PDB file of N, CA and C in Angstrom:
ATOM      1  N   MET A   1     108.902 196.551 101.187  1.00  0.00           N
ATOM      2  CA  MET A   1     109.756 195.387 101.117  1.00  0.00           C
ATOM      3  C   MET A   1     109.725 194.819  99.705  1.00  0.00           C
ATOM      4  N   ASP A   2     110.806 194.947  99.033  1.00  0.00           N
ATOM      5  CA  ASP A   2     110.920 194.356  97.710  1.00  0.00           C
ATOM      6  C   ASP A   2     111.883 193.187  97.767  1.00  0.00           C
ATOM      7  N   ALA A   3     111.513 192.129  97.100  1.00  0.00           N
ATOM      8  CA  ALA A   3     112.394 190.972  96.976  1.00  0.00           C
ATOM      9  C   ALA A   3     112.715 190.820  95.497  1.00  0.00           C
ATOM     10  N   TYR A   4     113.990 190.860  95.193  1.00  0.00           N
ATOM     11  CA  TYR A   4     114.407 190.763  93.803  1.00  0.00           C
ATOM     12  C   TYR A   4     114.843 189.357  93.418  1.00  0.00           C
ATOM     13  N   THR A   5     115.050 188.507  94.407  1.00  0.00           N
ATOM     14  CA  THR A   5     115.429 187.116  94.146  1.00  0.00           C
ATOM     15  C   THR A   5     114.615 186.218  95.068  1.00  0.00           C
ATOM     16  N   LEU A   6     114.648 184.926  94.783  1.00  0.00           N
ATOM     17  CA  LEU A   6     113.980 183.971  95.666  1.00  0.00           C
ATOM     18  C   LEU A   6     114.618 183.990  97.049  1.00  0.00           C
ATOM     19  N   ASP A   7     115.932 184.138  97.104  1.00  0.00           N
ATOM     20  CA  ASP A   7     116.619 184.216  98.401  1.00  0.00           C
ATOM     21  C   ASP A   7     116.123 185.415  99.198  1.00  0.00           C
ATOM     22  N   ASP A   8     115.980 186.564  98.535  1.00  0.00           N
ATOM     23  CA  ASP A   8     115.456 187.765  99.209  1.00  0.00           C
ATOM     24  C   ASP A   8     114.048 187.506  99.741  1.00  0.00           C
ATOM     25  N   ALA A   9     113.226 186.913  98.911  1.00  0.00           N
ATOM     26  CA  ALA A   9     111.840 186.644  99.304  1.00  0.00           C
ATOM     27  C   ALA A   9     111.804 185.693 100.498  1.00  0.00           C
ATOM     28  N   LEU A  10     112.641 184.675 100.473  1.00  0.00           N
ATOM     29  CA  LEU A  10     112.681 183.721 101.582  1.00  0.00           C
ATOM     30  C   LEU A  10     113.138 184.420 102.861  1.00  0.00           C
ATOM     31  N   ARG A  11     114.136 185.268 102.752  1.00  0.00           N
ATOM     32  CA  ARG A  11     114.625 186.006 103.920  1.00  0.00           C
ATOM     33  C   ARG A  11     113.522 186.898 104.509  1.00  0.00           C
ATOM     34  N   TRP A  12     112.820 187.641 103.643  1.00  0.00           N
ATOM     35  CA  TRP A  12     111.753 188.523 104.120  1.00  0.00           C
ATOM     36  C   TRP A  12     110.615 187.735 104.755  1.00  0.00           C
ATOM     37  N   GLN A  13     110.198 186.659 104.102  1.00  0.00           N
ATOM     38  CA  GLN A  13     109.089 185.872 104.644  1.00  0.00           C
ATOM     39  C   GLN A  13     109.461 185.255 105.989  1.00  0.00           C
ATOM     40  N   THR A  14     110.711 184.834 106.118  1.00  0.00           N
ATOM     41  CA  THR A  14     111.173 184.268 107.388  1.00  0.00           C
ATOM     42  C   THR A  14     111.153 185.336 108.479  1.00  0.00           C
ATOM     43  N   ARG A  15     111.615 186.535 108.147  1.00  0.00           N
ATOM     44  CA  ARG A  15     111.589 187.634 109.122  1.00  0.00           C
ATOM     45  C   ARG A  15     110.162 187.954 109.558  1.00  0.00           C
ATOM     46  N   ILE A  16     109.259 187.980 108.612  1.00  0.00           N
ATOM     47  CA  ILE A  16     107.857 188.275 108.919  1.00  0.00           C
ATOM     48  C   ILE A  16     107.282 187.196 109.831  1.00  0.00           C
ATOM     49  N   ALA A  17     107.524 185.919 109.508  1.00  0.00           N
ATOM     50  CA  ALA A  17     107.010 184.818 110.333  1.00  0.00           C
ATOM     51  C   ALA A  17     107.594 184.888 111.741  1.00  0.00           C
ATOM     52  N   GLU A  18     108.878 185.225 111.859  1.00  0.00           N
ATOM     53  CA  GLU A  18     109.498 185.351 113.178  1.00  0.00           C
ATOM     54  C   GLU A  18     108.885 186.508 113.963  1.00  0.00           C
ATOM     55  N   ALA A  19     108.634 187.620 113.301  1.00  0.00           N
ATOM     56  CA  ALA A  19     108.008 188.770 113.971  1.00  0.00           C
ATOM     57  C   ALA A  19     106.601 188.414 114.439  1.00  0.00           C
ATOM     58  N   LEU A  20     105.866 187.706 113.614  1.00  0.00           N
ATOM     59  CA  LEU A  20     104.516 187.287 114.004  1.00  0.00           C
ATOM     60  C   LEU A  20     104.562 186.342 115.197  1.00  0.00           C
ATOM     61  N   SER A  21     105.561 185.466 115.243  1.00  0.00           N
ATOM     62  CA  SER A  21     105.712 184.565 116.394  1.00  0.00           C
ATOM     63  C   SER A  21     105.955 185.356 117.674  1.00  0.00           C
ATOM     64  N   ALA A  22     106.769 186.407 117.583  1.00  0.00           N
ATOM     65  CA  ALA A  22     107.028 187.256 118.753  1.00  0.00           C
ATOM     66  C   ALA A  22     105.758 187.966 119.201  1.00  0.00           C
ATOM     67  N   ILE A  23     104.980 188.446 118.253  1.00  0.00           N
ATOM     68  CA  ILE A  23     103.714 189.113 118.587  1.00  0.00           C
ATOM     69  C   ILE A  23     102.766 188.119 119.242  1.00  0.00           C
ATOM     70  N   ILE A  24     102.681 186.914 118.689  1.00  0.00           N
ATOM     71  CA  ILE A  24     101.792 185.884 119.246  1.00  0.00           C
ATOM     72  C   ILE A  24     102.183 185.583 120.687  1.00  0.00           C
ATOM     73  N   GLU A  25     103.482 185.460 120.927  1.00  0.00           N
ATOM     74  CA  GLU A  25     103.959 185.181 122.281  1.00  0.00           C
ATOM     75  C   GLU A  25     103.603 186.314 123.239  1.00  0.00           C
ATOM     76  N   ALA A  26     103.786 187.541 122.788  1.00  0.00           N
ATOM     77  CA  ALA A  26     103.473 188.697 123.631  1.00  0.00           C
ATOM     78  C   ALA A  26     101.981 188.779 123.934  1.00  0.00           C
ATOM     79  N   VAL A  27     101.160 188.567 122.925  1.00  0.00           N
ATOM     80  CA  VAL A  27      99.706 188.632 123.127  1.00  0.00           C
ATOM     81  C   VAL A  27      99.248 187.501 124.038  1.00  0.00           C
ATOM     82  N   ALA A  28      99.790 186.316 123.840  1.00  0.00           N
ATOM     83  CA  ALA A  28      99.397 185.167 124.660  1.00  0.00           C
ATOM     84  C   ALA A  28      99.703 185.421 126.135  1.00  0.00           C
ATOM     85  N   GLY A  29     100.783 186.131 126.416  1.00  0.00           N
ATOM     86  CA  GLY A  29     101.156 186.422 127.795  1.00  0.00           C
ATOM     87  C   GLY A  29     100.567 187.708 128.349  1.00  0.00           C
ATOM     88  N   SER A  30      99.757 188.383 127.543  1.00  0.00           N
ATOM     89  CA  SER A  30      99.195 189.664 127.978  1.00  0.00           C
ATOM     90  C   SER A  30      98.017 189.462 128.929  1.00  0.00           C
ATOM     91  N   ASN A  31      97.617 190.544 129.545  1.00  0.00           N
ATOM     92  CA  ASN A  31      96.440 190.491 130.430  1.00  0.00           C
ATOM     93  C   ASN A  31      95.227 191.120 129.749  1.00  0.00           C
ATOM     94  N   TRP A  32      95.162 190.985 128.436  1.00  0.00           N
ATOM     95  CA  TRP A  32      94.021 191.497 127.685  1.00  0.00           C
ATOM     96  C   TRP A  32      92.773 190.690 128.023  1.00  0.00           C
ATOM     97  N   PRO A  33      91.612 191.269 127.771  1.00  0.00           N
ATOM     98  CA  PRO A  33      90.377 190.489 127.915  1.00  0.00           C
ATOM     99  C   PRO A  33      90.443 189.242 127.021  1.00  0.00           C
ATOM    100  N   GLU A  34      89.930 188.134 127.519  1.00  0.00           N
ATOM    101  CA  GLU A  34      90.074 186.851 126.822  1.00  0.00           C
ATOM    102  C   GLU A  34      89.547 186.873 125.390  1.00  0.00           C
ATOM    103  N   GLN A  35      88.409 187.499 125.153  1.00  0.00           N
ATOM    104  CA  GLN A  35      87.847 187.511 123.796  1.00  0.00           C
ATOM    105  C   GLN A  35      88.764 188.281 122.838  1.00  0.00           C
ATOM    106  N   LYS A  36      89.254 189.424 123.285  1.00  0.00           N
ATOM    107  CA  LYS A  36      90.160 190.212 122.442  1.00  0.00           C
ATOM    108  C   LYS A  36      91.434 189.425 122.181  1.00  0.00           C
ATOM    109  N   LYS A  37      91.965 188.781 123.222  1.00  0.00           N
ATOM    110  CA  LYS A  37      93.186 187.989 123.083  1.00  0.00           C
ATOM    111  C   LYS A  37      92.969 186.861 122.073  1.00  0.00           C
ATOM    112  N   ARG A  38      91.854 186.153 122.170  1.00  0.00           N
ATOM    113  CA  ARG A  38      91.546 185.066 121.221  1.00  0.00           C
ATOM    114  C   ARG A  38      91.461 185.577 119.793  1.00  0.00           C
ATOM    115  N   ASP A  39      90.780 186.714 119.614  1.00  0.00           N
ATOM    116  CA  ASP A  39      90.624 187.281 118.271  1.00  0.00           C
ATOM    117  C   ASP A  39      91.970 187.656 117.656  1.00  0.00           C
ATOM    118  N   VAL A  40      92.800 188.341 118.439  1.00  0.00           N
ATOM    119  CA  VAL A  40      94.106 188.766 117.926  1.00  0.00           C
ATOM    120  C   VAL A  40      94.991 187.550 117.674  1.00  0.00           C
ATOM    121  N   LEU A  41      95.000 186.592 118.597  1.00  0.00           N
ATOM    122  CA  LEU A  41      95.801 185.382 118.391  1.00  0.00           C
ATOM    123  C   LEU A  41      95.366 184.631 117.139  1.00  0.00           C
ATOM    124  N   PHE A  42      94.065 184.536 116.929  1.00  0.00           N
ATOM    125  CA  PHE A  42      93.562 183.855 115.739  1.00  0.00           C
ATOM    126  C   PHE A  42      94.072 184.534 114.472  1.00  0.00           C
ATOM    127  N   ARG A  43      93.953 185.869 114.422  1.00  0.00           N
ATOM    128  CA  ARG A  43      94.401 186.608 113.235  1.00  0.00           C
ATOM    129  C   ARG A  43      95.905 186.484 113.022  1.00  0.00           C
ATOM    130  N   MET A  44      96.672 186.614 114.094  1.00  0.00           N
ATOM    131  CA  MET A  44      98.127 186.545 113.974  1.00  0.00           C
ATOM    132  C   MET A  44      98.585 185.129 113.592  1.00  0.00           C
ATOM    133  N   MET A  45      97.944 184.115 114.146  1.00  0.00           N
ATOM    134  CA  MET A  45      98.303 182.733 113.799  1.00  0.00           C
ATOM    135  C   MET A  45      97.946 182.435 112.349  1.00  0.00           C
ATOM    136  N   HIS A  46      96.836 182.978 111.903  1.00  0.00           N
ATOM    137  CA  HIS A  46      96.433 182.808 110.506  1.00  0.00           C
ATOM    138  C   HIS A  46      97.467 183.462 109.584  1.00  0.00           C
ATOM    139  N   GLU A  47      97.883 184.662 109.927  1.00  0.00           N
ATOM    140  CA  GLU A  47      98.901 185.359 109.132  1.00  0.00           C
ATOM    141  C   GLU A  47     100.223 184.588 109.133  1.00  0.00           C
ATOM    142  N   ARG A  48     100.628 184.087 110.305  1.00  0.00           N
ATOM    143  CA  ARG A  48     101.879 183.336 110.381  1.00  0.00           C
ATOM    144  C   ARG A  48     101.796 182.073 109.529  1.00  0.00           C
ATOM    145  N   ALA A  49     100.660 181.388 109.558  1.00  0.00           N
ATOM    146  CA  ALA A  49     100.482 180.184 108.738  1.00  0.00           C
ATOM    147  C   ALA A  49     100.592 180.531 107.251  1.00  0.00           C
ATOM    148  N   ARG A  50     100.037 181.673 106.870  1.00  0.00           N
ATOM    149  CA  ARG A  50     100.114 182.110 105.469  1.00  0.00           C
ATOM    150  C   ARG A  50     101.572 182.339 105.064  1.00  0.00           C
ATOM    151  N   HIS A  51     102.323 183.015 105.905  1.00  0.00           N
ATOM    152  CA  HIS A  51     103.727 183.274 105.594  1.00  0.00           C
ATOM    153  C   HIS A  51     104.555 181.990 105.638  1.00  0.00           C
ATOM    154  N   ASN A  52     104.196 181.066 106.516  1.00  0.00           N
ATOM    155  CA  ASN A  52     104.890 179.775 106.544  1.00  0.00           C
ATOM    156  C   ASN A  52     104.644 178.999 105.250  1.00  0.00           C
ATOM    157  N   ARG A  53     103.447 179.136 104.667  1.00  0.00           N
ATOM    158  CA  ARG A  53     103.191 178.504 103.365  1.00  0.00           C
ATOM    159  C   ARG A  53     104.059 179.138 102.289  1.00  0.00           C
ATOM    160  N   TYR A  54     104.188 180.459 102.334  1.00  0.00           N
ATOM    161  CA  TYR A  54     105.065 181.138 101.381  1.00  0.00           C
ATOM    162  C   TYR A  54     106.500 180.624 101.518  1.00  0.00           C
ATOM    163  N   ILE A  55     106.962 180.471 102.750  1.00  0.00           N
ATOM    164  CA  ILE A  55     108.313 179.979 103.005  1.00  0.00           C
ATOM    165  C   ILE A  55     108.477 178.581 102.416  1.00  0.00           C
ATOM    166  N   ALA A  56     107.516 177.719 102.661  1.00  0.00           N
ATOM    167  CA  ALA A  56     107.589 176.349 102.122  1.00  0.00           C
ATOM    168  C   ALA A  56     107.639 176.370 100.598  1.00  0.00           C
ATOM    169  N   ASN A  57     106.822 177.199  99.974  1.00  0.00           N
ATOM    170  CA  ASN A  57     106.812 177.295  98.508  1.00  0.00           C
ATOM    171  C   ASN A  57     108.146 177.826  97.977  1.00  0.00           C
ATOM    172  N   LEU A  58     108.698 178.812  98.654  1.00  0.00           N
ATOM    173  CA  LEU A  58     109.988 179.365  98.230  1.00  0.00           C
ATOM    174  C   LEU A  58     111.100 178.335  98.387  1.00  0.00           C
ATOM    175  N   GLU A  59     111.063 177.557  99.459  1.00  0.00           N
ATOM    176  CA  GLU A  59     112.072 176.518  99.654  1.00  0.00           C
ATOM    177  C   GLU A  59     111.999 175.469  98.551  1.00  0.00           C
ATOM    178  N   VAL A  60     110.782 175.097  98.148  1.00  0.00           N
ATOM    179  CA  VAL A  60     110.621 174.143  97.045  1.00  0.00           C
ATOM    180  C   VAL A  60     111.185 174.734  95.757  1.00  0.00           C
ATOM    181  N   ALA A  61     110.893 176.000  95.509  1.00  0.00           N
ATOM    182  CA  ALA A  61     111.398 176.654  94.301  1.00  0.00           C
ATOM    183  C   ALA A  61     112.922 176.694  94.304  1.00  0.00           C
ATOM    184  N   LEU A  62     113.509 176.980  95.451  1.00  0.00           N
ATOM    185  CA  LEU A  62     114.963 177.028  95.538  1.00  0.00           C
ATOM    186  C   LEU A  62     115.581 175.639  95.364  1.00  0.00           C
ATOM    187  N   GLN A  63     114.929 174.624  95.900  1.00  0.00           N
ATOM    188  CA  GLN A  63     115.444 173.258  95.778  1.00  0.00           C
ATOM    189  C   GLN A  63     115.383 172.763  94.343  1.00  0.00           C
ATOM    190  N   SER A  64     114.406 173.231  93.608  1.00  0.00           N
ATOM    191  CA  SER A  64     114.249 172.754  92.245  1.00  0.00           C
ATOM    192  C   SER A  64     114.922 173.668  91.231  1.00  0.00           C
ATOM    193  N   GLU A  65     115.836 174.514  91.700  1.00  0.00           N
ATOM    194  CA  GLU A  65     116.491 175.466  90.806  1.00  0.00           C
ATOM    195  C   GLU A  65     117.187 174.765  89.639  1.00  0.00           C
ATOM    196  N   GLY A  66     117.704 173.585  89.846  1.00  0.00           N
ATOM    197  CA  GLY A  66     118.371 172.863  88.769  1.00  0.00           C
ATOM    198  C   GLY A  66     117.416 172.486  87.648  1.00  0.00           C
ATOM    199  N   ASP A  67     116.147 172.343  87.978  1.00  0.00           N
ATOM    200  CA  ASP A  67     115.143 171.995  86.971  1.00  0.00           C
ATOM    201  C   ASP A  67     114.723 173.205  86.153  1.00  0.00           C
ATOM    202  N   CYS A  68     115.179 174.382  86.536  1.00  0.00           N
ATOM    203  CA  CYS A  68     114.752 175.623  85.878  1.00  0.00           C
ATOM    204  C   CYS A  68     115.932 176.305  85.223  1.00  0.00           C
ATOM    205  N   SER A  69     116.810 175.552  84.605  1.00  0.00           N
ATOM    206  CA  SER A  69     118.005 176.169  84.036  1.00  0.00           C
ATOM    207  C   SER A  69     117.615 177.282  83.075  1.00  0.00           C
ATOM    208  N   GLY A  70     118.234 178.434  83.293  1.00  0.00           N
ATOM    209  CA  GLY A  70     117.942 179.590  82.452  1.00  0.00           C
ATOM    210  C   GLY A  70     116.666 180.309  82.819  1.00  0.00           C
ATOM    211  N   HIS A  71     115.980 179.876  83.844  1.00  0.00           N
ATOM    212  CA  HIS A  71     114.718 180.481  84.245  1.00  0.00           C
ATOM    213  C   HIS A  71     114.970 181.446  85.387  1.00  0.00           C
ATOM    214  N   ALA A  72     114.069 182.353  85.610  1.00  0.00           N
ATOM    215  CA  ALA A  72     114.238 183.382  86.639  1.00  0.00           C
ATOM    216  C   ALA A  72     114.061 182.845  88.052  1.00  0.00           C
ATOM    217  N   MET A  73     113.691 181.592  88.225  1.00  0.00           N
ATOM    218  CA  MET A  73     113.447 181.064  89.557  1.00  0.00           C
ATOM    219  C   MET A  73     114.698 180.405  90.138  1.00  0.00           C
ATOM    220  N   ARG A  74     115.825 181.061  90.030  1.00  0.00           N
ATOM    221  CA  ARG A  74     117.061 180.557  90.618  1.00  0.00           C
ATOM    222  C   ARG A  74     117.606 181.604  91.567  1.00  0.00           C
ATOM    223  N   PRO A  75     118.289 181.162  92.641  1.00  0.00           N
ATOM    224  CA  PRO A  75     118.849 182.155  93.553  1.00  0.00           C
ATOM    225  C   PRO A  75     119.743 183.130  92.806  1.00  0.00           C
ATOM    226  N   GLY A  76     119.610 184.393  93.151  1.00  0.00           N
ATOM    227  CA  GLY A  76     120.415 185.419  92.525  1.00  0.00           C
ATOM    228  C   GLY A  76     119.860 185.921  91.208  1.00  0.00           C
ATOM    229  N   HIS A  77     118.771 185.330  90.733  1.00  0.00           N
ATOM    230  CA  HIS A  77     118.142 185.772  89.493  1.00  0.00           C
ATOM    231  C   HIS A  77     116.851 186.500  89.838  1.00  0.00           C
ATOM    232  N   PRO A  78     116.504 187.503  89.070  1.00  0.00           N
ATOM    233  CA  PRO A  78     115.306 188.283  89.387  1.00  0.00           C
ATOM    234  C   PRO A  78     114.034 187.442  89.331  1.00  0.00           C
ATOM    235  N   LEU A  79     113.106 187.804  90.180  1.00  0.00           N
ATOM    236  CA  LEU A  79     111.789 187.173  90.132  1.00  0.00           C
ATOM    237  C   LEU A  79     111.064 187.683  88.885  1.00  0.00           C
ATOM    238  N   PRO A  80     110.235 186.830  88.272  1.00  0.00           N
ATOM    239  CA  PRO A  80     109.484 187.291  87.107  1.00  0.00           C
ATOM    240  C   PRO A  80     108.504 188.379  87.499  1.00  0.00           C
ATOM    241  N   LYS A  81     108.296 189.344  86.634  1.00  0.00           N
ATOM    242  CA  LYS A  81     107.318 190.410  86.868  1.00  0.00           C
ATOM    243  C   LYS A  81     105.927 189.848  86.616  1.00  0.00           C
ATOM    244  N   HIS A  82     104.988 190.252  87.452  1.00  0.00           N
ATOM    245  CA  HIS A  82     103.607 189.851  87.224  1.00  0.00           C
ATOM    246  C   HIS A  82     102.683 190.951  87.714  1.00  0.00           C
ATOM    247  N   SER A  83     101.495 190.936  87.187  1.00  0.00           N
ATOM    248  CA  SER A  83     100.492 191.935  87.580  1.00  0.00           C
ATOM    249  C   SER A  83      99.694 191.405  88.742  1.00  0.00           C
ATOM    250  N   PRO A  84      99.286 192.278  89.635  1.00  0.00           N
ATOM    251  CA  PRO A  84      98.420 191.817  90.734  1.00  0.00           C
ATOM    252  C   PRO A  84      97.088 191.344  90.165  1.00  0.00           C
ATOM    253  N   PRO A  85      96.467 190.399  90.874  1.00  0.00           N
ATOM    254  CA  PRO A  85      95.172 189.872  90.378  1.00  0.00           C
ATOM    255  C   PRO A  85      94.102 190.921  90.331  1.00  0.00           C
TER     256      PRO A  85
END
C-alpha cells in the first residue's frame, strides 16, 4: 500500500480502521476461549486506535493545507520522502 498524497494516506488509513472494526466485531461475537478472545480484541483495538490517530493527524494536515502553501502537505501533492527510523 503506497500513498502518494495525504488524501491517499487518509483513504488507506480509513480502510484499515474499518477492516479492524469488522475483525473486532467478528472476534467479539465468536465462540473462542475467553482468554484468547480478550488477547485478540486487545491487540486489534490497539491497532485500530493507532490507525485512528493516523487518521486524526492526516485530517489536521489536510485542514491546514492553506498554511503550507507550496509545501508537499497539500491534497494532490506528493508526500515528502523520508527514511525509516
